[in-house]
Amino acid sequence: MTAPPNPGDAQIAGGKKVLLVEDEEALANALRLKLGAQKFDVTWAKDGQEALDDINQGKYDVIVTDLILPVMDGFTMMQKLQEKKDGTPVIVLSNLGQPEDIEHAKSLGAKDFLVKSNVPLARIPEYINKAIM
C-alpha cells in the first residue's frame, strides 16, 4: 500500500472515466455517488467479466476493482488486461490485505492497493487523481 496522496494535489476529475468493478451493491452505490460528486464519469461492473466487456466497448481513464468477485475475480481480470496490453491504470480496493495479495496485484499492474477498511470513501478520488496524473 502506498502513502496517501497529498490532499492539496490538484483536482483533475473533470469528466475522467472510471470503471468501478465491485459486486457489493451498497458499496458500489456509495462510491458512485462520491465519485460522481467529484465529476468523475463512473461505469459500474459487478464482476471481472462484465468489466472486460465494458473495456472492450470503450476507453477508461482508470479502473477501480475489488479482487473477490463472482464470475471472474479481480486478479484474473487484471491478468487479462496485462495480456492485451491495455495500459489503463488499475487501483485495487479490496478486503484482502495480505502481503502476497498486494504483491500479486502489483505484479499484475496495480498502481495502488487499498484495503477497504483502512481507506475512507472520501479519500478514493485522491487516489484516482494520483493514478491518472
C-alpha atoms as a PDB file:
ATOM      1  CA  MET A   1       0.000   0.000   0.000  1.00  0.00           C
ATOM      2  CA  THR A   2       1.394   3.404  -0.899  1.00  0.00           C
ATOM      3  CA  ALA A   3       1.158   6.590   1.105  1.00  0.00           C
ATOM      4  CA  PRO A   4      -1.999   8.628   0.609  1.00  0.00           C
ATOM      5  CA  PRO A   5      -1.720  11.447  -1.881  1.00  0.00           C
ATOM      6  CA  ASN A   6      -1.357  14.981  -0.631  1.00  0.00           C
ATOM      7  CA  PRO A   7      -4.844  16.481  -0.095  1.00  0.00           C
ATOM      8  CA  GLY A   8      -3.526  19.667  -1.701  1.00  0.00           C
ATOM      9  CA  ASP A   9      -2.857  17.887  -5.007  1.00  0.00           C
ATOM     10  CA  ALA A  10      -4.627  19.404  -7.995  1.00  0.00           C
ATOM     11  CA  GLN A  11      -8.108  18.061  -8.649  1.00  0.00           C
ATOM     12  CA  ILE A  12      -8.256  16.664 -12.177  1.00  0.00           C
ATOM     13  CA  ALA A  13     -11.511  14.696 -12.092  1.00  0.00           C
ATOM     14  CA  GLY A  14     -13.453  16.751 -14.676  1.00  0.00           C
ATOM     15  CA  GLY A  15     -15.167  14.041 -16.729  1.00  0.00           C
ATOM     16  CA  LYS A  16     -12.488  11.372 -16.349  1.00  0.00           C
ATOM     17  CA  LYS A  17     -13.953   7.932 -16.995  1.00  0.00           C
ATOM     18  CA  VAL A  18     -13.790   5.449 -14.115  1.00  0.00           C
ATOM     19  CA  LEU A  19     -14.708   1.786 -14.374  1.00  0.00           C
ATOM     20  CA  LEU A  20     -15.769   0.617 -10.920  1.00  0.00           C
ATOM     21  CA  VAL A  21     -15.669  -3.171 -10.545  1.00  0.00           C
ATOM     22  CA  GLU A  22     -17.458  -4.073  -7.310  1.00  0.00           C
ATOM     23  CA  ASP A  23     -20.025  -6.776  -6.509  1.00  0.00           C
ATOM     24  CA  GLU A  24     -21.285  -5.230  -3.254  1.00  0.00           C
ATOM     25  CA  GLU A  25     -24.135  -3.022  -4.460  1.00  0.00           C
ATOM     26  CA  ALA A  26     -24.282  -0.784  -1.371  1.00  0.00           C
ATOM     27  CA  LEU A  27     -20.566  -0.002  -1.584  1.00  0.00           C
ATOM     28  CA  ALA A  28     -20.744   0.465  -5.356  1.00  0.00           C
ATOM     29  CA  ASN A  29     -23.609   2.943  -4.974  1.00  0.00           C
ATOM     30  CA  ALA A  30     -21.758   4.870  -2.261  1.00  0.00           C
ATOM     31  CA  LEU A  31     -18.629   5.057  -4.418  1.00  0.00           C
ATOM     32  CA  ARG A  32     -20.625   6.086  -7.478  1.00  0.00           C
ATOM     33  CA  LEU A  33     -22.197   8.938  -5.513  1.00  0.00           C
ATOM     34  CA  LYS A  34     -18.852  10.052  -4.083  1.00  0.00           C
ATOM     35  CA  LEU A  35     -17.076   9.904  -7.451  1.00  0.00           C
ATOM     36  CA  GLY A  36     -19.992  11.485  -9.295  1.00  0.00           C
ATOM     37  CA  ALA A  37     -19.905  14.411  -6.869  1.00  0.00           C
ATOM     38  CA  GLN A  38     -16.249  14.850  -7.872  1.00  0.00           C
ATOM     39  CA  LYS A  39     -17.324  14.969 -11.557  1.00  0.00           C
ATOM     40  CA  PHE A  40     -15.994  11.527 -12.469  1.00  0.00           C
ATOM     41  CA  ASP A  41     -17.963   9.667 -15.143  1.00  0.00           C
ATOM     42  CA  VAL A  42     -18.492   6.273 -13.461  1.00  0.00           C
ATOM     43  CA  THR A  43     -19.447   2.981 -15.092  1.00  0.00           C
ATOM     44  CA  TRP A  44     -20.237   0.106 -12.727  1.00  0.00           C
ATOM     45  CA  ALA A  45     -19.424  -3.529 -13.451  1.00  0.00           C
ATOM     46  CA  LYS A  46     -20.433  -6.277 -10.994  1.00  0.00           C
ATOM     47  CA  ASP A  47     -17.673  -8.746 -11.911  1.00  0.00           C
ATOM     48  CA  GLY A  48     -14.442  -9.099 -13.839  1.00  0.00           C
ATOM     49  CA  GLN A  49     -16.064 -10.470 -16.995  1.00  0.00           C
ATOM     50  CA  GLU A  50     -18.545  -7.601 -17.152  1.00  0.00           C
ATOM     51  CA  ALA A  51     -15.610  -5.212 -16.660  1.00  0.00           C
ATOM     52  CA  LEU A  52     -13.691  -6.754 -19.570  1.00  0.00           C
ATOM     53  CA  ASP A  53     -16.812  -6.472 -21.741  1.00  0.00           C
ATOM     54  CA  ASP A  54     -17.086  -2.775 -20.804  1.00  0.00           C
ATOM     55  CA  ILE A  55     -13.389  -2.212 -21.549  1.00  0.00           C
ATOM     56  CA  ASN A  56     -13.838  -3.784 -24.980  1.00  0.00           C
ATOM     57  CA  GLN A  57     -16.651  -1.280 -25.647  1.00  0.00           C
ATOM     58  CA  GLY A  58     -14.808   1.872 -24.575  1.00  0.00           C
ATOM     59  CA  LYS A  59     -11.767   3.527 -23.042  1.00  0.00           C
ATOM     60  CA  TYR A  60     -11.450   4.326 -19.342  1.00  0.00           C
ATOM     61  CA  ASP A  61      -9.008   6.618 -17.583  1.00  0.00           C
ATOM     62  CA  VAL A  62      -8.788   4.338 -14.530  1.00  0.00           C
ATOM     63  CA  ILE A  63     -10.208   1.065 -13.219  1.00  0.00           C
ATOM     64  CA  VAL A  64     -11.040   0.641  -9.524  1.00  0.00           C
ATOM     65  CA  THR A  65     -11.559  -3.032  -8.752  1.00  0.00           C
ATOM     66  CA  ASP A  66     -12.286  -5.407  -5.947  1.00  0.00           C
ATOM     67  CA  LEU A  67     -10.488  -8.756  -6.076  1.00  0.00           C
ATOM     68  CA  ILE A  68     -13.097 -11.153  -4.723  1.00  0.00           C
ATOM     69  CA  LEU A  69     -15.751 -11.060  -7.437  1.00  0.00           C
ATOM     70  CA  PRO A  70     -18.234 -13.522  -8.944  1.00  0.00           C
ATOM     71  CA  VAL A  71     -17.786 -14.943 -12.469  1.00  0.00           C
ATOM     72  CA  MET A  72     -14.202 -13.639 -12.834  1.00  0.00           C
ATOM     73  CA  ASP A  73     -12.084 -12.371  -9.934  1.00  0.00           C
ATOM     74  CA  GLY A  74     -10.039  -9.184  -9.999  1.00  0.00           C
ATOM     75  CA  PHE A  75      -6.696 -10.990 -10.296  1.00  0.00           C
ATOM     76  CA  THR A  76      -7.839 -12.812 -13.451  1.00  0.00           C
ATOM     77  CA  MET A  77      -9.289  -9.618 -14.908  1.00  0.00           C
ATOM     78  CA  MET A  78      -6.010  -7.763 -14.330  1.00  0.00           C
ATOM     79  CA  GLN A  79      -4.059 -10.645 -15.874  1.00  0.00           C
ATOM     80  CA  LYS A  80      -6.249 -10.445 -18.992  1.00  0.00           C
ATOM     81  CA  LEU A  81      -5.742  -6.668 -19.157  1.00  0.00           C
ATOM     82  CA  GLN A  82      -1.985  -7.189 -18.870  1.00  0.00           C
ATOM     83  CA  GLU A  83      -2.037  -9.815 -21.643  1.00  0.00           C
ATOM     84  CA  LYS A  84      -3.840  -7.457 -24.013  1.00  0.00           C
ATOM     85  CA  LYS A  85      -1.501  -4.606 -23.004  1.00  0.00           C
ATOM     86  CA  ASP A  86      -4.459  -2.386 -22.123  1.00  0.00           C
ATOM     87  CA  GLY A  87      -2.397   0.076 -20.077  1.00  0.00           C
ATOM     88  CA  THR A  88      -5.335   1.532 -18.129  1.00  0.00           C
ATOM     89  CA  PRO A  89      -4.230   2.308 -14.551  1.00  0.00           C
ATOM     90  CA  VAL A  90      -5.790  -0.081 -12.021  1.00  0.00           C
ATOM     91  CA  ILE A  91      -6.428   0.639  -8.355  1.00  0.00           C
ATOM     92  CA  VAL A  92      -7.323  -2.350  -6.197  1.00  0.00           C
ATOM     93  CA  LEU A  93      -9.902  -1.700  -3.474  1.00  0.00           C
ATOM     94  CA  SER A  94     -10.284  -4.935  -1.539  1.00  0.00           C
ATOM     95  CA  ASN A  95     -10.833  -6.528   1.846  1.00  0.00           C
ATOM     96  CA  LEU A  96      -7.732  -8.607   1.136  1.00  0.00           C
ATOM     97  CA  GLY A  97      -4.566  -7.121   2.535  1.00  0.00           C
ATOM     98  CA  GLN A  98      -2.025  -9.888   2.945  1.00  0.00           C
ATOM     99  CA  PRO A  99       1.431  -9.056   1.592  1.00  0.00           C
ATOM    100  CA  GLU A 100       1.180 -11.852  -1.001  1.00  0.00           C
ATOM    101  CA  ASP A 101      -2.140 -10.432  -2.294  1.00  0.00           C
ATOM    102  CA  ILE A 102      -0.648  -6.951  -2.569  1.00  0.00           C
ATOM    103  CA  GLU A 103       2.459  -8.295  -4.308  1.00  0.00           C
ATOM    104  CA  HIS A 104       0.369 -10.375  -6.722  1.00  0.00           C
ATOM    105  CA  ALA A 105      -1.843  -7.396  -7.617  1.00  0.00           C
ATOM    106  CA  LYS A 106       1.194  -5.143  -8.131  1.00  0.00           C
ATOM    107  CA  SER A 107       2.799  -7.799 -10.363  1.00  0.00           C
ATOM    108  CA  LEU A 108      -0.355  -7.655 -12.494  1.00  0.00           C
ATOM    109  CA  GLY A 109      -0.008  -3.890 -12.890  1.00  0.00           C
ATOM    110  CA  ALA A 110      -1.982  -2.408  -9.986  1.00  0.00           C
ATOM    111  CA  LYS A 111      -0.908   1.198  -9.422  1.00  0.00           C
ATOM    112  CA  ASP A 112      -2.216   1.170  -5.878  1.00  0.00           C
ATOM    113  CA  PHE A 113      -3.689  -1.332  -3.405  1.00  0.00           C
ATOM    114  CA  LEU A 114      -6.229  -0.023  -0.913  1.00  0.00           C
ATOM    115  CA  VAL A 115      -7.734  -2.076   1.893  1.00  0.00           C
ATOM    116  CA  LYS A 116     -11.414  -1.143   2.196  1.00  0.00           C
ATOM    117  CA  SER A 117     -11.407  -0.988   5.988  1.00  0.00           C
ATOM    118  CA  ASN A 118      -8.357   1.310   6.023  1.00  0.00           C
ATOM    119  CA  VAL A 119      -9.412   3.947   3.477  1.00  0.00           C
ATOM    120  CA  PRO A 120     -12.364   6.316   3.916  1.00  0.00           C
ATOM    121  CA  LEU A 121     -14.532   6.609   0.801  1.00  0.00           C
ATOM    122  CA  ALA A 122     -13.881  10.351   0.811  1.00  0.00           C
ATOM    123  CA  ARG A 123     -10.206   9.672   0.012  1.00  0.00           C
ATOM    124  CA  ILE A 124     -10.806   7.427  -3.037  1.00  0.00           C
ATOM    125  CA  PRO A 125     -10.985  10.374  -5.501  1.00  0.00           C
ATOM    126  CA  GLU A 126      -7.497  11.441  -4.385  1.00  0.00           C
ATOM    127  CA  TYR A 127      -6.067   8.024  -5.199  1.00  0.00           C
ATOM    128  CA  ILE A 128      -7.807   8.065  -8.567  1.00  0.00           C
ATOM    129  CA  ASN A 129      -6.401  11.503  -9.392  1.00  0.00           C
ATOM    130  CA  LYS A 130      -2.934  10.296  -8.433  1.00  0.00           C
ATOM    131  CA  ALA A 131      -3.256   7.216 -10.672  1.00  0.00           C
ATOM    132  CA  ILE A 132      -4.277   9.196 -13.757  1.00  0.00           C
ATOM    133  CA  MET A 133      -1.769  12.018 -13.455  1.00  0.00           C
END
